[in-house]
Structures are given as structure tokens and as C-alpha cells.
């Protein structure tokens, strides 16, 4: 069955969104990796810093499972999500809904690139600025790279009251997690789906369930 002009337009729009997000994400990561040492910080504003860190785990530096397992899981999820988006396009779903899902896919794909290739393409950043394609090889092996994070928003810096149990007297920073463009794309898209496209999301999953049951 041939795709309609609107469906083709949605495919090209989704592909463009994914491409632009990946270019932005990877350009920022490569710049940070090749211009900063691990732990270096550039203050843009008092509430926004470029702070170079790496993690083998999930979004915002959360570390749950081995990098290899997580990378394989991400690849499987991206493949499934890509197929899901294509089916939604064929069912003439709203373009905004399609773009949100596409940006989630792009965010996941951006971090997959780090985990898959960065260990091979770069040397380490401990006490030095990493080199792209070093003569001695990368800092790790294929599928064992680390995700580059750099966006840090310490909006509030204060100290917990001394009378507070456990945390009393300790420093408190909001927002503490350090993330990247790919992470923010995923989070913003998820929130947009939940706020503006809950019905479309529910309908799409119901349709998938009905097709599976058949």
C-alpha cells in the first residue's frame, strides 16, 4: 500500500527532527570531549554551567546495569520505537505526537552512539583533553563507551537547616543532576506527551494491544 503525501511528509518531518537533534547532541558532546578534561567546568551563568562528566549508566548519571547490557537494551528499544512510529504514521496520527516520539527515539539514539563508539574513538579524559582517533586506541572497547554529560543547572544553592534529621547542616543543590541534549530531548518529549497527547498515547497502545490479540 503506497503512502499518502501527508504520511510521506510526516516521515520526512520525523527524520529531520531526529537528524537535527543528533547533530546538535553529538556536536556538543564531541566539543566537550575534545576541549575539556573530566571535571572541568565553564560558568555560563551563576545558575548554568558546562560541567564535563561521563557515566556508563542511564539518564542523569544513574548507574543501574553493565554498559554492554544497557547499550543492547537501548538498541532493541530504539528499533521497536522506530517501527512503532512508522505504524503510527501509516495510521495518520497527529504530527506533533509523531515528533515527540521521534525526539525520544533521537535522544536514545544519541546516547547509544556514545556507548557504542566513544570508547573506541576517544582516549580517556582523566587529567587530559581527549584525542579523537588516538594512535594507541580508545579508552574502552566497542559497546563499552561512556555517555558524555555536560549541562548543569544549580538553580538553588543552600544548606539544610541544622534541626533536620540526617541532612541537617549539609549543602543542598537544586538541580543537581548533570545531563546532555539527548537526555533533555527525552524528558521534554515525555512531558509533552503526558500533558498534550495522553489520549493519542492511550489510543496508540490500545490499538497495538488489539492487533496483538488478533
C-alpha atoms as a PDB file:
ATOM      1  CA  UNK A   1       0.000   0.000   0.000  1.00  0.00           C
ATOM      2  CA  UNK A   2       1.511   3.339  -1.117  1.00  0.00           C
ATOM      3  CA  UNK A   3       1.934   6.102   1.440  1.00  0.00           C
ATOM      4  CA  UNK A   4      -0.044   9.310   1.048  1.00  0.00           C
ATOM      5  CA  UNK A   5       1.602  12.722   0.684  1.00  0.00           C
ATOM      6  CA  UNK A   6       0.736  13.568   4.288  1.00  0.00           C
ATOM      7  CA  UNK A   7       2.283  10.318   5.525  1.00  0.00           C
ATOM      8  CA  UNK A   8       5.433  10.957   3.492  1.00  0.00           C
ATOM      9  CA  UNK A   9       5.563  14.492   4.889  1.00  0.00           C
ATOM     10  CA  UNK A  10       5.330  13.089   8.415  1.00  0.00           C
ATOM     11  CA  UNK A  11       8.137  10.628   7.697  1.00  0.00           C
ATOM     12  CA  UNK A  12      10.404  13.388   6.385  1.00  0.00           C
ATOM     13  CA  UNK A  13       9.498  15.637   9.324  1.00  0.00           C
ATOM     14  CA  UNK A  14      10.300  12.885  11.818  1.00  0.00           C
ATOM     15  CA  UNK A  15      13.567  12.087  10.034  1.00  0.00           C
ATOM     16  CA  UNK A  16      14.547  15.761  10.029  1.00  0.00           C
ATOM     17  CA  UNK A  17      13.786  16.134  13.745  1.00  0.00           C
ATOM     18  CA  UNK A  18      15.872  13.055  14.576  1.00  0.00           C
ATOM     19  CA  UNK A  19      18.749  14.222  12.368  1.00  0.00           C
ATOM     20  CA  UNK A  20      18.863  17.758  13.785  1.00  0.00           C
ATOM     21  CA  UNK A  21      18.723  16.512  17.360  1.00  0.00           C
ATOM     22  CA  UNK A  22      21.533  14.014  16.731  1.00  0.00           C
ATOM     23  CA  UNK A  23      23.715  16.652  15.073  1.00  0.00           C
ATOM     24  CA  UNK A  24      23.203  19.064  17.976  1.00  0.00           C
ATOM     25  CA  UNK A  25      23.739  16.371  20.617  1.00  0.00           C
ATOM     26  CA  UNK A  26      26.852  14.851  19.052  1.00  0.00           C
ATOM     27  CA  UNK A  27      28.439  18.195  18.113  1.00  0.00           C
ATOM     28  CA  UNK A  28      28.126  19.374  21.722  1.00  0.00           C
ATOM     29  CA  UNK A  29      29.488  16.106  23.109  1.00  0.00           C
ATOM     30  CA  UNK A  30      32.451  15.968  20.719  1.00  0.00           C
ATOM     31  CA  UNK A  31      33.321  19.595  21.505  1.00  0.00           C
ATOM     32  CA  UNK A  32      33.236  18.941  25.249  1.00  0.00           C
ATOM     33  CA  UNK A  33      35.208  15.717  24.882  1.00  0.00           C
ATOM     34  CA  UNK A  34      37.936  17.370  22.771  1.00  0.00           C
ATOM     35  CA  UNK A  35      38.170  20.681  24.678  1.00  0.00           C
ATOM     36  CA  UNK A  36      37.672  19.813  28.359  1.00  0.00           C
ATOM     37  CA  UNK A  37      39.122  17.444  30.909  1.00  0.00           C
ATOM     38  CA  UNK A  38      36.857  15.313  33.057  1.00  0.00           C
ATOM     39  CA  UNK A  39      35.598  17.524  35.883  1.00  0.00           C
ATOM     40  CA  UNK A  40      36.316  20.817  34.110  1.00  0.00           C
ATOM     41  CA  UNK A  41      33.609  23.450  34.407  1.00  0.00           C
ATOM     42  CA  UNK A  42      32.712  26.565  32.406  1.00  0.00           C
ATOM     43  CA  UNK A  43      30.338  29.006  34.099  1.00  0.00           C
ATOM     44  CA  UNK A  44      27.877  30.453  31.591  1.00  0.00           C
ATOM     45  CA  UNK A  45      25.632  31.989  34.251  1.00  0.00           C
ATOM     46  CA  UNK A  46      25.575  31.579  38.026  1.00  0.00           C
ATOM     47  CA  UNK A  47      22.723  29.106  37.521  1.00  0.00           C
ATOM     48  CA  UNK A  48      24.084  27.326  34.419  1.00  0.00           C
ATOM     49  CA  UNK A  49      27.430  25.617  33.883  1.00  0.00           C
ATOM     50  CA  UNK A  50      29.055  23.392  31.302  1.00  0.00           C
ATOM     51  CA  UNK A  51      30.408  20.679  33.597  1.00  0.00           C
ATOM     52  CA  UNK A  52      32.109  17.721  31.902  1.00  0.00           C
ATOM     53  CA  UNK A  53      31.309  14.334  33.346  1.00  0.00           C
ATOM     54  CA  UNK A  54      30.822  10.827  31.956  1.00  0.00           C
ATOM     55  CA  UNK A  55      28.662   7.946  33.032  1.00  0.00           C
ATOM     56  CA  UNK A  56      28.104   4.367  31.844  1.00  0.00           C
ATOM     57  CA  UNK A  57      24.511   4.370  33.004  1.00  0.00           C
ATOM     58  CA  UNK A  58      21.155   5.861  32.201  1.00  0.00           C
ATOM     59  CA  UNK A  59      19.886   9.429  32.008  1.00  0.00           C
ATOM     60  CA  UNK A  60      21.164  11.993  34.540  1.00  0.00           C
ATOM     61  CA  UNK A  61      24.109   9.789  35.537  1.00  0.00           C
ATOM     62  CA  UNK A  62      22.025   6.997  37.071  1.00  0.00           C
ATOM     63  CA  UNK A  63      24.002   3.758  37.010  1.00  0.00           C
ATOM     64  CA  UNK A  64      21.974   0.546  37.234  1.00  0.00           C
ATOM     65  CA  UNK A  65      23.406  -2.178  34.979  1.00  0.00           C
ATOM     66  CA  UNK A  66      26.514  -3.018  32.949  1.00  0.00           C
ATOM     67  CA  UNK A  67      27.156  -0.673  29.990  1.00  0.00           C
ATOM     68  CA  UNK A  68      27.098  -3.532  27.462  1.00  0.00           C
ATOM     69  CA  UNK A  69      23.678  -4.784  28.628  1.00  0.00           C
ATOM     70  CA  UNK A  70      22.276  -1.256  28.743  1.00  0.00           C
ATOM     71  CA  UNK A  71      23.529  -0.494  25.221  1.00  0.00           C
ATOM     72  CA  UNK A  72      21.977  -3.655  23.782  1.00  0.00           C
ATOM     73  CA  UNK A  73      18.718  -2.849  25.571  1.00  0.00           C
ATOM     74  CA  UNK A  74      18.739   0.690  24.141  1.00  0.00           C
ATOM     75  CA  UNK A  75      19.313  -0.611  20.615  1.00  0.00           C
ATOM     76  CA  UNK A  76      16.366  -3.005  20.930  1.00  0.00           C
ATOM     77  CA  UNK A  77      14.121  -0.237  22.314  1.00  0.00           C
ATOM     78  CA  UNK A  78      15.098   2.160  19.510  1.00  0.00           C
ATOM     79  CA  UNK A  79      14.326  -0.470  16.861  1.00  0.00           C
ATOM     80  CA  UNK A  80      10.928  -1.187  18.425  1.00  0.00           C
ATOM     81  CA  UNK A  81      10.154   2.507  18.809  1.00  0.00           C
ATOM     82  CA  UNK A  82      11.127   3.181  15.187  1.00  0.00           C
ATOM     83  CA  UNK A  83       8.720   0.507  13.997  1.00  0.00           C
ATOM     84  CA  UNK A  84       6.020   1.836  16.313  1.00  0.00           C
ATOM     85  CA  UNK A  85       6.419   5.390  14.944  1.00  0.00           C
ATOM     86  CA  UNK A  86       6.187   4.131  11.364  1.00  0.00           C
ATOM     87  CA  UNK A  87       2.943   2.286  12.133  1.00  0.00           C
ATOM     88  CA  UNK A  88       1.505   5.424  13.740  1.00  0.00           C
ATOM     89  CA  UNK A  89       2.390   7.447  10.654  1.00  0.00           C
ATOM     90  CA  UNK A  90       0.545   4.927   8.485  1.00  0.00           C
ATOM     91  CA  UNK A  91      -2.482   5.374  10.772  1.00  0.00           C
ATOM     92  CA  UNK A  92      -2.395   9.154  10.216  1.00  0.00           C
ATOM     93  CA  UNK A  93      -1.638  10.191  13.792  1.00  0.00           C
ATOM     94  CA  UNK A  94      -1.052  13.854  14.647  1.00  0.00           C
ATOM     95  CA  UNK A  95       2.347  15.234  13.550  1.00  0.00           C
ATOM     96  CA  UNK A  96       3.060  16.685  16.985  1.00  0.00           C
ATOM     97  CA  UNK A  97       2.560  13.261  18.543  1.00  0.00           C
ATOM     98  CA  UNK A  98       4.848  11.695  15.931  1.00  0.00           C
ATOM     99  CA  UNK A  99       7.552  14.317  16.531  1.00  0.00           C
ATOM    100  CA  UNK A 100       7.506  13.781  20.297  1.00  0.00           C
ATOM    101  CA  UNK A 101       8.068  10.053  19.836  1.00  0.00           C
ATOM    102  CA  UNK A 102      10.731  10.760  17.214  1.00  0.00           C
ATOM    103  CA  UNK A 103      12.641  13.026  19.609  1.00  0.00           C
ATOM    104  CA  UNK A 104      12.515  10.315  22.276  1.00  0.00           C
ATOM    105  CA  UNK A 105      13.988   7.947  19.698  1.00  0.00           C
ATOM    106  CA  UNK A 106      16.636  10.535  18.773  1.00  0.00           C
ATOM    107  CA  UNK A 107      17.592  11.044  22.419  1.00  0.00           C
ATOM    108  CA  UNK A 108      18.005   7.327  22.980  1.00  0.00           C
ATOM    109  CA  UNK A 109      19.979   7.027  19.752  1.00  0.00           C
ATOM    110  CA  UNK A 110      22.258   9.906  20.782  1.00  0.00           C
ATOM    111  CA  UNK A 111      23.291   8.102  23.967  1.00  0.00           C
ATOM    112  CA  UNK A 112      23.616   4.808  22.083  1.00  0.00           C
ATOM    113  CA  UNK A 113      26.236   6.442  19.847  1.00  0.00           C
ATOM    114  CA  UNK A 114      28.283   7.375  22.945  1.00  0.00           C
ATOM    115  CA  UNK A 115      28.087   3.906  24.467  1.00  0.00           C
ATOM    116  CA  UNK A 116      28.749   2.147  21.186  1.00  0.00           C
ATOM    117  CA  UNK A 117      31.558   4.182  19.623  1.00  0.00           C
ATOM    118  CA  UNK A 118      33.122   6.679  22.057  1.00  0.00           C
ATOM    119  CA  UNK A 119      35.228   4.066  23.838  1.00  0.00           C
ATOM    120  CA  UNK A 120      36.838   3.232  20.503  1.00  0.00           C
ATOM    121  CA  UNK A 121      37.041   6.748  19.035  1.00  0.00           C
ATOM    122  CA  UNK A 122      38.449   8.680  22.028  1.00  0.00           C
ATOM    123  CA  UNK A 123      41.117   8.171  24.644  1.00  0.00           C
ATOM    124  CA  UNK A 124      40.313   8.894  28.302  1.00  0.00           C
ATOM    125  CA  UNK A 125      39.668  12.365  29.741  1.00  0.00           C
ATOM    126  CA  UNK A 126      41.237  11.897  33.195  1.00  0.00           C
ATOM    127  CA  UNK A 127      43.645  14.818  33.658  1.00  0.00           C
ATOM    128  CA  UNK A 128      43.841  15.450  29.925  1.00  0.00           C
ATOM    129  CA  UNK A 129      41.798  16.587  26.936  1.00  0.00           C
ATOM    130  CA  UNK A 130      40.806  13.521  24.943  1.00  0.00           C
ATOM    131  CA  UNK A 131      42.046  12.965  21.403  1.00  0.00           C
ATOM    132  CA  UNK A 132      39.816  11.797  18.588  1.00  0.00           C
ATOM    133  CA  UNK A 133      41.146   8.601  16.988  1.00  0.00           C
ATOM    134  CA  UNK A 134      44.277   8.321  19.198  1.00  0.00           C
ATOM    135  CA  UNK A 135      47.219   6.265  17.949  1.00  0.00           C
ATOM    136  CA  UNK A 136      47.140   3.988  20.984  1.00  0.00           C
ATOM    137  CA  UNK A 137      43.444   3.234  20.594  1.00  0.00           C
ATOM    138  CA  UNK A 138      40.428   4.329  22.611  1.00  0.00           C
ATOM    139  CA  UNK A 139      39.802   4.144  26.338  1.00  0.00           C
ATOM    140  CA  UNK A 140      37.498   1.121  26.023  1.00  0.00           C
ATOM    141  CA  UNK A 141      36.022  -1.343  23.568  1.00  0.00           C
ATOM    142  CA  UNK A 142      33.051  -1.426  21.197  1.00  0.00           C
ATOM    143  CA  UNK A 143      29.722  -1.136  23.089  1.00  0.00           C
ATOM    144  CA  UNK A 144      31.544  -0.173  26.319  1.00  0.00           C
ATOM    145  CA  UNK A 145      31.837   3.594  25.898  1.00  0.00           C
ATOM    146  CA  UNK A 146      30.560   6.182  28.357  1.00  0.00           C
ATOM    147  CA  UNK A 147      27.856   8.800  27.861  1.00  0.00           C
ATOM    148  CA  UNK A 148      29.118  12.389  27.865  1.00  0.00           C
ATOM    149  CA  UNK A 149      27.116  14.759  30.103  1.00  0.00           C
ATOM    150  CA  UNK A 150      27.678  18.483  30.467  1.00  0.00           C
ATOM    151  CA  UNK A 151      24.518  20.501  31.215  1.00  0.00           C
ATOM    152  CA  UNK A 152      24.413  21.526  34.871  1.00  0.00           C
ATOM    153  CA  UNK A 153      21.779  23.846  36.344  1.00  0.00           C
ATOM    154  CA  UNK A 154      22.497  24.573  40.042  1.00  0.00           C
ATOM    155  CA  UNK A 155      19.468  26.851  40.309  1.00  0.00           C
ATOM    156  CA  UNK A 156      19.406  26.887  44.107  1.00  0.00           C
ATOM    157  CA  UNK A 157      22.401  26.524  46.420  1.00  0.00           C
ATOM    158  CA  UNK A 158      21.694  26.485  50.133  1.00  0.00           C
ATOM    159  CA  UNK A 159      22.183  24.475  53.347  1.00  0.00           C
ATOM    160  CA  UNK A 160      19.663  22.226  55.024  1.00  0.00           C
ATOM    161  CA  UNK A 161      18.503  23.531  58.450  1.00  0.00           C
ATOM    162  CA  UNK A 162      20.594  22.100  61.306  1.00  0.00           C
ATOM    163  CA  UNK A 163      17.489  20.720  63.017  1.00  0.00           C
ATOM    164  CA  UNK A 164      16.616  18.487  60.037  1.00  0.00           C
ATOM    165  CA  UNK A 165      17.360  14.776  60.676  1.00  0.00           C
ATOM    166  CA  UNK A 166      20.057  13.087  58.557  1.00  0.00           C
ATOM    167  CA  UNK A 167      20.609  16.016  56.128  1.00  0.00           C
ATOM    168  CA  UNK A 168      20.826  18.838  58.728  1.00  0.00           C
ATOM    169  CA  UNK A 169      23.713  21.198  58.008  1.00  0.00           C
ATOM    170  CA  UNK A 170      24.561  19.610  54.666  1.00  0.00           C
ATOM    171  CA  UNK A 171      24.767  21.512  51.399  1.00  0.00           C
ATOM    172  CA  UNK A 172      21.745  21.343  49.120  1.00  0.00           C
ATOM    173  CA  UNK A 173      21.793  21.993  45.376  1.00  0.00           C
ATOM    174  CA  UNK A 174      18.763  22.085  43.074  1.00  0.00           C
ATOM    175  CA  UNK A 175      19.002  20.919  40.262  1.00  0.00           C
ATOM    176  CA  UNK A 176      21.968  18.575  40.940  1.00  0.00           C
ATOM    177  CA  UNK A 177      21.881  16.014  38.053  1.00  0.00           C
ATOM    178  CA  UNK A 178      24.138  16.685  35.066  1.00  0.00           C
ATOM    179  CA  UNK A 179      22.697  15.689  31.699  1.00  0.00           C
ATOM    180  CA  UNK A 180      23.058  16.184  27.932  1.00  0.00           C
ATOM    181  CA  UNK A 181      20.977  17.281  24.942  1.00  0.00           C
ATOM    182  CA  UNK A 182      19.774  13.712  24.311  1.00  0.00           C
ATOM    183  CA  UNK A 183      18.539  13.356  27.908  1.00  0.00           C
ATOM    184  CA  UNK A 184      16.698  16.663  27.749  1.00  0.00           C
ATOM    185  CA  UNK A 185      15.085  15.688  24.438  1.00  0.00           C
ATOM    186  CA  UNK A 186      13.727  12.512  26.007  1.00  0.00           C
ATOM    187  CA  UNK A 187      12.436  14.225  29.139  1.00  0.00           C
ATOM    188  CA  UNK A 188      10.837  17.212  27.373  1.00  0.00           C
ATOM    189  CA  UNK A 189       9.168  14.911  24.842  1.00  0.00           C
ATOM    190  CA  UNK A 190       7.823  12.585  27.536  1.00  0.00           C
ATOM    191  CA  UNK A 191       6.360  15.514  29.494  1.00  0.00           C
ATOM    192  CA  UNK A 192       4.842  16.938  26.303  1.00  0.00           C
ATOM    193  CA  UNK A 193       3.226  13.584  25.539  1.00  0.00           C
ATOM    194  CA  UNK A 194       1.775  13.317  29.029  1.00  0.00           C
ATOM    195  CA  UNK A 195       0.438  16.879  29.012  1.00  0.00           C
ATOM    196  CA  UNK A 196      -0.831  17.289  25.446  1.00  0.00           C
ATOM    197  CA  UNK A 197      -1.117  13.826  23.885  1.00  0.00           C
ATOM    198  CA  UNK A 198      -2.359  11.499  26.600  1.00  0.00           C
ATOM    199  CA  UNK A 199      -5.386  10.451  24.546  1.00  0.00           C
ATOM    200  CA  UNK A 200      -3.273   9.768  21.454  1.00  0.00           C
ATOM    201  CA  UNK A 201      -0.808   7.808  23.557  1.00  0.00           C
ATOM    202  CA  UNK A 202      -3.542   5.731  25.148  1.00  0.00           C
ATOM    203  CA  UNK A 203      -5.246   5.137  21.793  1.00  0.00           C
ATOM    204  CA  UNK A 204      -1.999   4.055  20.124  1.00  0.00           C
ATOM    205  CA  UNK A 205      -1.227   1.476  22.816  1.00  0.00           C
ATOM    206  CA  UNK A 206      -4.816   0.216  22.775  1.00  0.00           C
ATOM    207  CA  UNK A 207      -4.584  -0.252  19.024  1.00  0.00           C
ATOM    208  CA  UNK A 208      -1.294  -2.147  19.390  1.00  0.00           C
ATOM    209  CA  UNK A 209      -2.895  -4.404  22.000  1.00  0.00           C
ATOM    210  CA  UNK A 210      -5.905  -5.096  19.785  1.00  0.00           C
ATOM    211  CA  UNK A 211      -3.656  -6.012  16.844  1.00  0.00           C
ATOM    212  CA  UNK A 212      -1.577  -8.267  19.078  1.00  0.00           C
ATOM    213  CA  UNK A 213      -4.683 -10.005  20.407  1.00  0.00           C
ATOM    214  CA  UNK A 214      -5.870 -10.646  16.861  1.00  0.00           C
END
